[in-house]
Amino acid sequence: MGLRAAQYAAAAVVLGLPAFMMYGGRVVGGQQPRWARSALGWSAATLALLAAAALALQTGLMAGALDQALNREALGFVLGGTALGAAYAVRIGAGLLLLAVLALRTGRGLWLGGLTLGLVVAASFAWTGHGAATEGPGHGLHLASDIAHAVAALTWLGAVFAFVALATRRIEKDAAVKTELATALGGFAGVGTLCVAVLLVTGLINSFYLVGIERVFSLGETAYGRLLTVKLAAFIAMLGLAALHRFRSTPALERGEGGLAGLRFSLGAELALGVLILALVGMMGMLAPPASL
């Protein structure tokens, strides 16, 4: 559960940060900021290590003894015979490939490579989620919805991480920070709206398969339903903060008004809510959804 949530967090930077640098590159004047390369590198390495740890743990559990976690035959079975093992392998490979891309590529080539690998990583979570387990004619739709949901969520969280990084940098003049933040927040408006639209549509589709229409008003009766309720509340709070940033903070920054302290706090709160949602998703992935009971 914890390993899965941590992998989601690393994946948010692996996908969301390159995406941010591509559609919001004008924020840094087309340059390749050191903080962005560093964050991407650490996230790629963390993702690979976490996926490897999860693979070893899963191998030990399936073998019936944790001391078999690194047994070659057991690892071979998990990697070649289970979707979960294949997903872990994809994340390990993507993390390592991204480190190589960081060493070999610069500029747009780096961010395009990171974005491509990030999309693969995001999809790998859906391969082993509830969407992949749906049977019958709805399998393809639910799986596609799950993938789109993961991509939109990680893109949004990666952007929030970038905003926090921009807002908390130590430079001499607050005016420069305000200018970059105003440009970044304004540039994210269209992408953010698309992410929210995708999350809402795919959330409804996923809920149809996982909860069912007849159980919508009885979510509190199951552990999955209670976690989903908390997740929805956190999502609504994130929407409120995102609206605050778009319709109040950004115009104020463009006019040269408003302080950074409050914006830094609200951006930090939005990121914290996003991390909470990732933790909830990690827990929900271990529970049977109401529709299957």
C-alpha atoms as a PDB file:
ATOM      1  CA  MET A   1       0.000   0.000   0.000  1.00  0.00           C
ATOM      2  CA  GLY A   2       2.674   2.491   1.070  1.00  0.00           C
ATOM      3  CA  LEU A   3       5.015   1.442  -1.721  1.00  0.00           C
ATOM      4  CA  ARG A   4       2.266   1.882  -4.301  1.00  0.00           C
ATOM      5  CA  ALA A   5       1.374   5.358  -3.034  1.00  0.00           C
ATOM      6  CA  ALA A   6       5.051   6.352  -3.029  1.00  0.00           C
ATOM      7  CA  GLN A   7       5.393   5.120  -6.611  1.00  0.00           C
ATOM      8  CA  TYR A   8       2.419   7.285  -7.563  1.00  0.00           C
ATOM      9  CA  ALA A   9       4.134  10.305  -6.006  1.00  0.00           C
ATOM     10  CA  ALA A  10       7.382   9.681  -7.893  1.00  0.00           C
ATOM     11  CA  ALA A  11       5.422   9.065 -11.101  1.00  0.00           C
ATOM     12  CA  ALA A  12       3.661  12.429 -10.694  1.00  0.00           C
ATOM     13  CA  VAL A  13       7.009  14.185 -11.042  1.00  0.00           C
ATOM     14  CA  VAL A  14       8.245  11.804 -13.757  1.00  0.00           C
ATOM     15  CA  LEU A  15       5.180  12.591 -15.899  1.00  0.00           C
ATOM     16  CA  GLY A  16       3.984  15.971 -14.699  1.00  0.00           C
ATOM     17  CA  LEU A  17       7.288  17.840 -14.598  1.00  0.00           C
ATOM     18  CA  PRO A  18       8.328  17.114 -18.227  1.00  0.00           C
ATOM     19  CA  ALA A  19       4.785  17.970 -19.318  1.00  0.00           C
ATOM     20  CA  PHE A  20       5.020  21.261 -17.399  1.00  0.00           C
ATOM     21  CA  MET A  21       8.381  22.071 -18.994  1.00  0.00           C
ATOM     22  CA  MET A  22       6.924  21.504 -22.455  1.00  0.00           C
ATOM     23  CA  TYR A  23       3.714  23.528 -22.205  1.00  0.00           C
ATOM     24  CA  GLY A  24       5.132  26.006 -19.675  1.00  0.00           C
ATOM     25  CA  GLY A  25       8.710  26.290 -20.897  1.00  0.00           C
ATOM     26  CA  ARG A  26       8.316  29.993 -21.472  1.00  0.00           C
ATOM     27  CA  VAL A  27       8.268  30.363 -17.680  1.00  0.00           C
ATOM     28  CA  VAL A  28      12.006  29.674 -17.595  1.00  0.00           C
ATOM     29  CA  GLY A  29      12.767  31.291 -20.934  1.00  0.00           C
ATOM     30  CA  GLY A  30      13.310  27.977 -22.730  1.00  0.00           C
ATOM     31  CA  GLN A  31      16.212  27.171 -20.427  1.00  0.00           C
ATOM     32  CA  GLN A  32      16.834  23.942 -18.553  1.00  0.00           C
ATOM     33  CA  PRO A  33      16.680  24.892 -14.860  1.00  0.00           C
ATOM     34  CA  ARG A  34      18.887  22.940 -12.524  1.00  0.00           C
ATOM     35  CA  TRP A  35      16.090  22.323 -10.040  1.00  0.00           C
ATOM     36  CA  ALA A  36      13.927  20.670 -12.706  1.00  0.00           C
ATOM     37  CA  ARG A  37      16.665  18.320 -13.896  1.00  0.00           C
ATOM     38  CA  SER A  38      17.530  17.438 -10.308  1.00  0.00           C
ATOM     39  CA  ALA A  39      13.906  16.774  -9.335  1.00  0.00           C
ATOM     40  CA  LEU A  40      13.347  14.630 -12.413  1.00  0.00           C
ATOM     41  CA  GLY A  41      16.504  12.625 -11.787  1.00  0.00           C
ATOM     42  CA  TRP A  42      15.735  11.963  -8.144  1.00  0.00           C
ATOM     43  CA  SER A  43      12.164  11.004  -8.981  1.00  0.00           C
ATOM     44  CA  ALA A  44      13.250   8.602 -11.723  1.00  0.00           C
ATOM     45  CA  ALA A  45      15.744   6.920  -9.394  1.00  0.00           C
ATOM     46  CA  THR A  46      13.196   6.778  -6.577  1.00  0.00           C
ATOM     47  CA  LEU A  47      10.566   5.250  -8.859  1.00  0.00           C
ATOM     48  CA  ALA A  48      12.966   2.533 -10.031  1.00  0.00           C
ATOM     49  CA  LEU A  49      14.044   1.721  -6.458  1.00  0.00           C
ATOM     50  CA  LEU A  50      10.482   1.674  -5.118  1.00  0.00           C
ATOM     51  CA  ALA A  51       9.290  -0.556  -7.956  1.00  0.00           C
ATOM     52  CA  ALA A  52      12.211  -2.921  -7.351  1.00  0.00           C
ATOM     53  CA  ALA A  53      11.398  -3.054  -3.637  1.00  0.00           C
ATOM     54  CA  ALA A  54       7.728  -3.711  -4.402  1.00  0.00           C
ATOM     55  CA  LEU A  55       8.705  -6.465  -6.841  1.00  0.00           C
ATOM     56  CA  ALA A  56      10.893  -8.154  -4.242  1.00  0.00           C
ATOM     57  CA  LEU A  57       8.178  -7.866  -1.594  1.00  0.00           C
ATOM     58  CA  GLN A  58       5.522  -9.262  -3.931  1.00  0.00           C
ATOM     59  CA  THR A  59       7.830 -12.135  -4.857  1.00  0.00           C
ATOM     60  CA  GLY A  60       8.400 -13.001  -1.213  1.00  0.00           C
ATOM     61  CA  LEU A  61       4.672 -12.894  -0.483  1.00  0.00           C
ATOM     62  CA  MET A  62       3.834 -15.133  -3.434  1.00  0.00           C
ATOM     63  CA  ALA A  63       6.616 -17.546  -2.498  1.00  0.00           C
ATOM     64  CA  GLY A  64       5.298 -17.732   1.049  1.00  0.00           C
ATOM     65  CA  ALA A  65       8.487 -16.485   2.675  1.00  0.00           C
ATOM     66  CA  LEU A  66      10.148 -13.070   2.540  1.00  0.00           C
ATOM     67  CA  ASP A  67      13.588 -14.660   2.407  1.00  0.00           C
ATOM     68  CA  GLN A  68      12.642 -15.861  -1.088  1.00  0.00           C
ATOM     69  CA  ALA A  69      12.168 -12.297  -2.298  1.00  0.00           C
ATOM     70  CA  LEU A  70      15.345 -12.414  -4.391  1.00  0.00           C
ATOM     71  CA  ASN A  71      15.074 -16.049  -5.443  1.00  0.00           C
ATOM     72  CA  ARG A  72      15.800 -16.158  -9.168  1.00  0.00           C
ATOM     73  CA  GLU A  73      13.095 -18.666 -10.041  1.00  0.00           C
ATOM     74  CA  ALA A  74      10.462 -16.913  -7.949  1.00  0.00           C
ATOM     75  CA  LEU A  75      11.373 -13.534  -9.458  1.00  0.00           C
ATOM     76  CA  GLY A  76      11.216 -15.032 -12.936  1.00  0.00           C
ATOM     77  CA  PHE A  77       7.724 -16.345 -12.285  1.00  0.00           C
ATOM     78  CA  VAL A  78       6.436 -13.017 -10.954  1.00  0.00           C
ATOM     79  CA  LEU A  79       8.015 -11.045 -13.804  1.00  0.00           C
ATOM     80  CA  GLY A  80       6.950 -13.378 -16.579  1.00  0.00           C
ATOM     81  CA  GLY A  81       3.744 -14.807 -15.215  1.00  0.00           C
ATOM     82  CA  THR A  82       1.895 -11.928 -13.564  1.00  0.00           C
ATOM     83  CA  ALA A  83       0.630  -8.536 -14.716  1.00  0.00           C
ATOM     84  CA  LEU A  84       1.855  -7.006 -11.461  1.00  0.00           C
ATOM     85  CA  GLY A  85       5.398  -8.220 -12.080  1.00  0.00           C
ATOM     86  CA  ALA A  86       5.323  -6.871 -15.629  1.00  0.00           C
ATOM     87  CA  ALA A  87       4.131  -3.476 -14.341  1.00  0.00           C
ATOM     88  CA  TYR A  88       6.966  -3.340 -11.825  1.00  0.00           C
ATOM     89  CA  ALA A  89       9.442  -4.214 -14.558  1.00  0.00           C
ATOM     90  CA  VAL A  90       8.074  -1.413 -16.733  1.00  0.00           C
ATOM     91  CA  ARG A  91       8.485   1.119 -13.914  1.00  0.00           C
ATOM     92  CA  ILE A  92      12.016  -0.037 -13.137  1.00  0.00           C
ATOM     93  CA  GLY A  93      12.943   0.129 -16.818  1.00  0.00           C
ATOM     94  CA  ALA A  94      11.287   3.509 -17.304  1.00  0.00           C
ATOM     95  CA  GLY A  95      13.096   4.973 -14.299  1.00  0.00           C
ATOM     96  CA  LEU A  96      16.469   3.720 -15.513  1.00  0.00           C
ATOM     97  CA  LEU A  97      15.815   4.838 -19.087  1.00  0.00           C
ATOM     98  CA  LEU A  98      14.874   8.289 -17.845  1.00  0.00           C
ATOM     99  CA  LEU A  99      18.176   8.532 -15.971  1.00  0.00           C
ATOM    100  CA  ALA A 100      19.931   7.692 -19.243  1.00  0.00           C
ATOM    101  CA  VAL A 101      17.882  10.325 -21.088  1.00  0.00           C
ATOM    102  CA  LEU A 102      18.898  12.866 -18.447  1.00  0.00           C
ATOM    103  CA  ALA A 103      22.553  12.038 -19.076  1.00  0.00           C
ATOM    104  CA  LEU A 104      22.320  12.105 -22.859  1.00  0.00           C
ATOM    105  CA  ARG A 105      19.662  14.646 -23.809  1.00  0.00           C
ATOM    106  CA  THR A 106      19.005  18.311 -23.141  1.00  0.00           C
ATOM    107  CA  GLY A 107      16.273  20.809 -23.867  1.00  0.00           C
ATOM    108  CA  ARG A 108      13.061  19.695 -25.519  1.00  0.00           C
ATOM    109  CA  GLY A 109      14.441  16.221 -26.258  1.00  0.00           C
ATOM    110  CA  LEU A 110      14.851  15.590 -22.534  1.00  0.00           C
ATOM    111  CA  TRP A 111      11.332  16.701 -21.650  1.00  0.00           C
ATOM    112  CA  LEU A 112       9.777  14.812 -24.571  1.00  0.00           C
ATOM    113  CA  GLY A 113      11.599  11.636 -23.507  1.00  0.00           C
ATOM    114  CA  GLY A 114      10.483  12.129 -19.914  1.00  0.00           C
ATOM    115  CA  LEU A 115       6.894  12.757 -20.969  1.00  0.00           C
ATOM    116  CA  THR A 116       6.825   9.588 -23.088  1.00  0.00           C
ATOM    117  CA  LEU A 117       8.229   7.416 -20.305  1.00  0.00           C
ATOM    118  CA  GLY A 118       5.913   9.087 -17.794  1.00  0.00           C
ATOM    119  CA  LEU A 119       2.874   8.167 -19.880  1.00  0.00           C
ATOM    120  CA  VAL A 120       4.001   4.535 -19.913  1.00  0.00           C
ATOM    121  CA  VAL A 121       4.478   4.592 -16.146  1.00  0.00           C
ATOM    122  CA  ALA A 122       1.033   6.114 -15.599  1.00  0.00           C
ATOM    123  CA  ALA A 123      -0.548   3.418 -17.764  1.00  0.00           C
ATOM    124  CA  SER A 124       1.252   0.687 -15.812  1.00  0.00           C
ATOM    125  CA  PHE A 125      -0.750   1.539 -12.689  1.00  0.00           C
ATOM    126  CA  ALA A 126      -4.000   0.896 -14.546  1.00  0.00           C
ATOM    127  CA  TRP A 127      -2.734  -2.475 -15.840  1.00  0.00           C
ATOM    128  CA  THR A 128      -2.772  -3.808 -12.292  1.00  0.00           C
ATOM    129  CA  GLY A 129      -5.723  -1.831 -10.952  1.00  0.00           C
ATOM    130  CA  HIS A 130      -9.428  -2.484 -10.692  1.00  0.00           C
ATOM    131  CA  GLY A 131      -9.924  -1.396 -14.297  1.00  0.00           C
ATOM    132  CA  ALA A 132      -7.848  -4.255 -15.629  1.00  0.00           C
ATOM    133  CA  ALA A 133      -9.861  -6.730 -13.533  1.00  0.00           C
ATOM    134  CA  THR A 134     -13.210  -5.788 -15.078  1.00  0.00           C
ATOM    135  CA  GLU A 135     -14.598  -8.617 -17.156  1.00  0.00           C
ATOM    136  CA  GLY A 136     -17.035  -8.629 -20.042  1.00  0.00           C
ATOM    137  CA  PRO A 137     -17.769  -5.985 -22.690  1.00  0.00           C
ATOM    138  CA  GLY A 138     -16.901  -3.128 -20.348  1.00  0.00           C
ATOM    139  CA  HIS A 139     -13.287  -4.241 -19.868  1.00  0.00           C
ATOM    140  CA  GLY A 140     -11.776  -2.038 -22.585  1.00  0.00           C
ATOM    141  CA  LEU A 141     -13.714   1.074 -21.614  1.00  0.00           C
ATOM    142  CA  HIS A 142     -12.929   0.730 -17.915  1.00  0.00           C
ATOM    143  CA  LEU A 143      -9.225   0.096 -18.543  1.00  0.00           C
ATOM    144  CA  ALA A 144      -8.966   3.062 -20.926  1.00  0.00           C
ATOM    145  CA  SER A 145     -10.797   5.238 -18.401  1.00  0.00           C
ATOM    146  CA  ASP A 146      -8.446   4.126 -15.642  1.00  0.00           C
ATOM    147  CA  ILE A 147      -5.392   4.977 -17.753  1.00  0.00           C
ATOM    148  CA  ALA A 148      -6.770   8.415 -18.666  1.00  0.00           C
ATOM    149  CA  HIS A 149      -7.631   9.041 -15.009  1.00  0.00           C
ATOM    150  CA  ALA A 150      -4.076   8.236 -13.911  1.00  0.00           C
ATOM    151  CA  VAL A 151      -2.522  10.404 -16.638  1.00  0.00           C
ATOM    152  CA  ALA A 152      -4.706  13.416 -15.792  1.00  0.00           C
ATOM    153  CA  ALA A 153      -4.138  13.084 -12.040  1.00  0.00           C
ATOM    154  CA  LEU A 154      -0.358  12.713 -12.298  1.00  0.00           C
ATOM    155  CA  THR A 155      -0.112  15.582 -14.801  1.00  0.00           C
ATOM    156  CA  TRP A 156      -2.007  17.868 -12.426  1.00  0.00           C
ATOM    157  CA  LEU A 157       0.044  16.865  -9.376  1.00  0.00           C
ATOM    158  CA  GLY A 158       3.298  17.217 -11.303  1.00  0.00           C
ATOM    159  CA  ALA A 159       2.323  20.766 -12.232  1.00  0.00           C
ATOM    160  CA  VAL A 160       1.488  21.609  -8.615  1.00  0.00           C
ATOM    161  CA  PHE A 161       4.918  20.285  -7.622  1.00  0.00           C
ATOM    162  CA  ALA A 162       6.473  22.595 -10.226  1.00  0.00           C
ATOM    163  CA  PHE A 163       4.482  25.564  -8.883  1.00  0.00           C
ATOM    164  CA  VAL A 164       5.688  24.849  -5.354  1.00  0.00           C
ATOM    165  CA  ALA A 165       9.279  24.574  -6.598  1.00  0.00           C
ATOM    166  CA  LEU A 166       8.980  27.923  -8.392  1.00  0.00           C
ATOM    167  CA  ALA A 167       7.348  29.604  -5.400  1.00  0.00           C
ATOM    168  CA  THR A 168       9.908  28.449  -2.849  1.00  0.00           C
ATOM    169  CA  ARG A 169      13.125  29.127  -4.741  1.00  0.00           C
ATOM    170  CA  ARG A 170      15.575  31.461  -3.055  1.00  0.00           C
ATOM    171  CA  ILE A 171      16.256  34.383  -5.340  1.00  0.00           C
ATOM    172  CA  GLU A 172      16.955  37.980  -4.483  1.00  0.00           C
ATOM    173  CA  LYS A 173      13.779  39.637  -5.724  1.00  0.00           C
ATOM    174  CA  ASP A 174      10.236  38.506  -4.973  1.00  0.00           C
ATOM    175  CA  ALA A 175       9.149  40.332  -8.123  1.00  0.00           C
ATOM    176  CA  ALA A 176      10.917  37.761 -10.287  1.00  0.00           C
ATOM    177  CA  VAL A 177       9.180  34.920  -8.440  1.00  0.00           C
ATOM    178  CA  LYS A 178       5.800  36.620  -8.881  1.00  0.00           C
ATOM    179  CA  THR A 179       6.373  37.082 -12.613  1.00  0.00           C
ATOM    180  CA  GLU A 180       7.318  33.437 -13.142  1.00  0.00           C
ATOM    181  CA  LEU A 181       4.422  32.191 -11.032  1.00  0.00           C
ATOM    182  CA  ALA A 182       1.916  34.397 -12.860  1.00  0.00           C
ATOM    183  CA  THR A 183       3.174  33.059 -16.200  1.00  0.00           C
ATOM    184  CA  ALA A 184       3.193  29.466 -14.959  1.00  0.00           C
ATOM    185  CA  LEU A 185      -0.264  29.593 -13.394  1.00  0.00           C
ATOM    186  CA  GLY A 186      -1.710  31.333 -16.432  1.00  0.00           C
ATOM    187  CA  GLY A 187      -0.100  28.813 -18.784  1.00  0.00           C
ATOM    188  CA  PHE A 188      -1.550  25.908 -16.803  1.00  0.00           C
ATOM    189  CA  ALA A 189      -5.121  27.180 -17.030  1.00  0.00           C
ATOM    190  CA  GLY A 190      -5.969  25.288 -20.210  1.00  0.00           C
ATOM    191  CA  VAL A 191      -4.103  22.121 -19.244  1.00  0.00           C
ATOM    192  CA  GLY A 192      -5.576  22.202 -15.753  1.00  0.00           C
ATOM    193  CA  THR A 193      -9.112  22.569 -17.099  1.00  0.00           C
ATOM    194  CA  LEU A 194      -8.544  19.584 -19.393  1.00  0.00           C
ATOM    195  CA  CYS A 195      -7.156  17.527 -16.495  1.00  0.00           C
ATOM    196  CA  VAL A 196     -10.185  18.319 -14.342  1.00  0.00           C
ATOM    197  CA  ALA A 197     -12.595  17.476 -17.178  1.00  0.00           C
ATOM    198  CA  VAL A 198     -10.856  14.141 -17.774  1.00  0.00           C
ATOM    199  CA  LEU A 199     -10.843  13.359 -14.045  1.00  0.00           C
ATOM    200  CA  LEU A 200     -14.556  14.086 -13.732  1.00  0.00           C
ATOM    201  CA  VAL A 201     -15.581  12.013 -16.762  1.00  0.00           C
ATOM    202  CA  THR A 202     -13.295   9.072 -16.014  1.00  0.00           C
ATOM    203  CA  GLY A 203     -14.195   9.245 -12.323  1.00  0.00           C
ATOM    204  CA  LEU A 204     -17.852   8.780 -13.213  1.00  0.00           C
ATOM    205  CA  ILE A 205     -17.031   5.880 -15.535  1.00  0.00           C
ATOM    206  CA  ASN A 206     -14.837   4.191 -12.940  1.00  0.00           C
ATOM    207  CA  SER A 207     -17.462   4.680 -10.246  1.00  0.00           C
ATOM    208  CA  PHE A 208     -20.099   3.081 -12.477  1.00  0.00           C
ATOM    209  CA  TYR A 209     -18.003  -0.094 -12.637  1.00  0.00           C
ATOM    210  CA  LEU A 210     -16.579  -0.064  -9.105  1.00  0.00           C
ATOM    211  CA  VAL A 211     -19.448   1.300  -7.047  1.00  0.00           C
ATOM    212  CA  GLY A 212     -22.581   0.861  -9.107  1.00  0.00           C
ATOM    213  CA  ILE A 213     -25.553   3.193  -9.337  1.00  0.00           C
ATOM    214  CA  GLU A 214     -27.500   1.358  -6.667  1.00  0.00           C
ATOM    215  CA  ARG A 215     -24.707   1.784  -4.080  1.00  0.00           C
ATOM    216  CA  VAL A 216     -23.998   5.490  -4.569  1.00  0.00           C
ATOM    217  CA  PHE A 217     -25.957   6.481  -1.476  1.00  0.00           C
ATOM    218  CA  SER A 218     -24.503   3.745   0.734  1.00  0.00           C
ATOM    219  CA  LEU A 219     -20.776   4.423   0.372  1.00  0.00           C
ATOM    220  CA  GLY A 220     -20.343   4.591   4.133  1.00  0.00           C
ATOM    221  CA  GLU A 221     -21.183   0.911   4.481  1.00  0.00           C
ATOM    222  CA  THR A 222     -17.849  -0.297   3.078  1.00  0.00           C
ATOM    223  CA  ALA A 223     -14.226   0.617   3.771  1.00  0.00           C
ATOM    224  CA  TYR A 224     -13.684   1.309   0.061  1.00  0.00           C
ATOM    225  CA  GLY A 225     -16.706   3.619   0.023  1.00  0.00           C
ATOM    226  CA  ARG A 226     -15.517   5.561   3.055  1.00  0.00           C
ATOM    227  CA  LEU A 227     -12.055   6.072   1.547  1.00  0.00           C
ATOM    228  CA  LEU A 228     -13.670   7.123  -1.733  1.00  0.00           C
ATOM    229  CA  THR A 229     -15.730   9.713   0.144  1.00  0.00           C
ATOM    230  CA  VAL A 230     -12.599  11.170   1.731  1.00  0.00           C
ATOM    231  CA  LYS A 231     -10.885  11.143  -1.666  1.00  0.00           C
ATOM    232  CA  LEU A 232     -13.775  13.054  -3.236  1.00  0.00           C
ATOM    233  CA  ALA A 233     -13.678  15.617  -0.418  1.00  0.00           C
ATOM    234  CA  ALA A 234      -9.929  16.117  -0.936  1.00  0.00           C
ATOM    235  CA  PHE A 235     -10.470  16.433  -4.695  1.00  0.00           C
ATOM    236  CA  ILE A 236     -13.144  19.100  -4.194  1.00  0.00           C
ATOM    237  CA  ALA A 237     -10.792  20.976  -1.865  1.00  0.00           C
ATOM    238  CA  MET A 238      -8.071  20.827  -4.540  1.00  0.00           C
ATOM    239  CA  LEU A 239     -10.536  22.189  -7.082  1.00  0.00           C
ATOM    240  CA  GLY A 240     -11.301  25.065  -4.732  1.00  0.00           C
ATOM    241  CA  LEU A 241      -7.625  25.909  -4.322  1.00  0.00           C
ATOM    242  CA  ALA A 242      -7.018  25.594  -8.068  1.00  0.00           C
ATOM    243  CA  ALA A 243      -9.903  27.998  -8.721  1.00  0.00           C
ATOM    244  CA  LEU A 244      -8.471  30.401  -6.142  1.00  0.00           C
ATOM    245  CA  HIS A 245      -5.084  30.323  -7.897  1.00  0.00           C
ATOM    246  CA  ARG A 246      -6.592  30.800 -11.353  1.00  0.00           C
ATOM    247  CA  PHE A 247      -9.192  33.459 -10.717  1.00  0.00           C
ATOM    248  CA  ARG A 248      -7.689  35.388  -7.825  1.00  0.00           C
ATOM    249  CA  SER A 249      -3.977  34.754  -7.306  1.00  0.00           C
ATOM    250  CA  THR A 250      -2.925  34.820 -10.962  1.00  0.00           C
ATOM    251  CA  PRO A 251      -4.682  38.123 -11.831  1.00  0.00           C
ATOM    252  CA  ALA A 252      -3.272  39.671  -8.632  1.00  0.00           C
ATOM    253  CA  LEU A 253       0.251  38.591  -9.537  1.00  0.00           C
ATOM    254  CA  GLU A 254      -0.159  39.927 -13.074  1.00  0.00           C
ATOM    255  CA  ARG A 255      -1.134  43.293 -11.602  1.00  0.00           C
ATOM    256  CA  GLY A 256       1.892  43.180  -9.324  1.00  0.00           C
ATOM    257  CA  GLU A 257      -0.289  42.768  -6.259  1.00  0.00           C
ATOM    258  CA  GLY A 258      -0.531  40.114  -3.592  1.00  0.00           C
ATOM    259  CA  GLY A 259       2.114  38.555  -1.379  1.00  0.00           C
ATOM    260  CA  LEU A 260       3.969  35.298  -1.860  1.00  0.00           C
ATOM    261  CA  ALA A 261       3.422  33.916   1.640  1.00  0.00           C
ATOM    262  CA  GLY A 262      -0.269  33.199   1.168  1.00  0.00           C
ATOM    263  CA  LEU A 263       0.261  31.753  -2.304  1.00  0.00           C
ATOM    264  CA  ARG A 264       3.035  29.512  -1.073  1.00  0.00           C
ATOM    265  CA  PHE A 265       0.758  28.238   1.679  1.00  0.00           C
ATOM    266  CA  SER A 266      -2.174  27.538  -0.649  1.00  0.00           C
ATOM    267  CA  LEU A 267       0.068  25.822  -3.200  1.00  0.00           C
ATOM    268  CA  GLY A 268       1.571  23.725  -0.427  1.00  0.00           C
ATOM    269  CA  ALA A 269      -1.926  22.833   0.773  1.00  0.00           C
ATOM    270  CA  GLU A 270      -2.922  21.785  -2.749  1.00  0.00           C
ATOM    271  CA  LEU A 271       0.164  19.576  -3.018  1.00  0.00           C
ATOM    272  CA  ALA A 272      -0.505  18.059   0.427  1.00  0.00           C
ATOM    273  CA  LEU A 273      -4.079  17.235  -0.601  1.00  0.00           C
ATOM    274  CA  GLY A 274      -2.734  15.601  -3.742  1.00  0.00           C
ATOM    275  CA  VAL A 275      -0.358  13.450  -1.694  1.00  0.00           C
ATOM    276  CA  LEU A 276      -3.275  12.512   0.580  1.00  0.00           C
ATOM    277  CA  ILE A 277      -5.255  11.389  -2.468  1.00  0.00           C
ATOM    278  CA  LEU A 278      -2.335   9.231  -3.620  1.00  0.00           C
ATOM    279  CA  ALA A 279      -2.227   7.584  -0.182  1.00  0.00           C
ATOM    280  CA  LEU A 280      -5.965   6.947  -0.342  1.00  0.00           C
ATOM    281  CA  VAL A 281      -5.654   5.462  -3.827  1.00  0.00           C
ATOM    282  CA  GLY A 282      -2.923   3.155  -2.530  1.00  0.00           C
ATOM    283  CA  MET A 283      -5.252   1.927   0.207  1.00  0.00           C
ATOM    284  CA  MET A 284      -8.268   1.607  -2.091  1.00  0.00           C
ATOM    285  CA  GLY A 285      -6.275  -0.542  -4.479  1.00  0.00           C
ATOM    286  CA  MET A 286      -6.027  -3.188  -1.748  1.00  0.00           C
ATOM    287  CA  LEU A 287      -9.767  -3.283  -1.083  1.00  0.00           C
ATOM    288  CA  ALA A 288     -12.669  -4.880  -2.891  1.00  0.00           C
ATOM    289  CA  PRO A 289     -14.918  -2.201  -4.476  1.00  0.00           C
ATOM    290  CA  PRO A 290     -18.615  -2.183  -3.485  1.00  0.00           C
ATOM    291  CA  ALA A 291     -19.787  -3.428  -6.901  1.00  0.00           C
ATOM    292  CA  SER A 292     -17.842  -6.671  -6.427  1.00  0.00           C
ATOM    293  CA  LEU A 293     -19.410  -7.494  -3.047  1.00  0.00           C
END
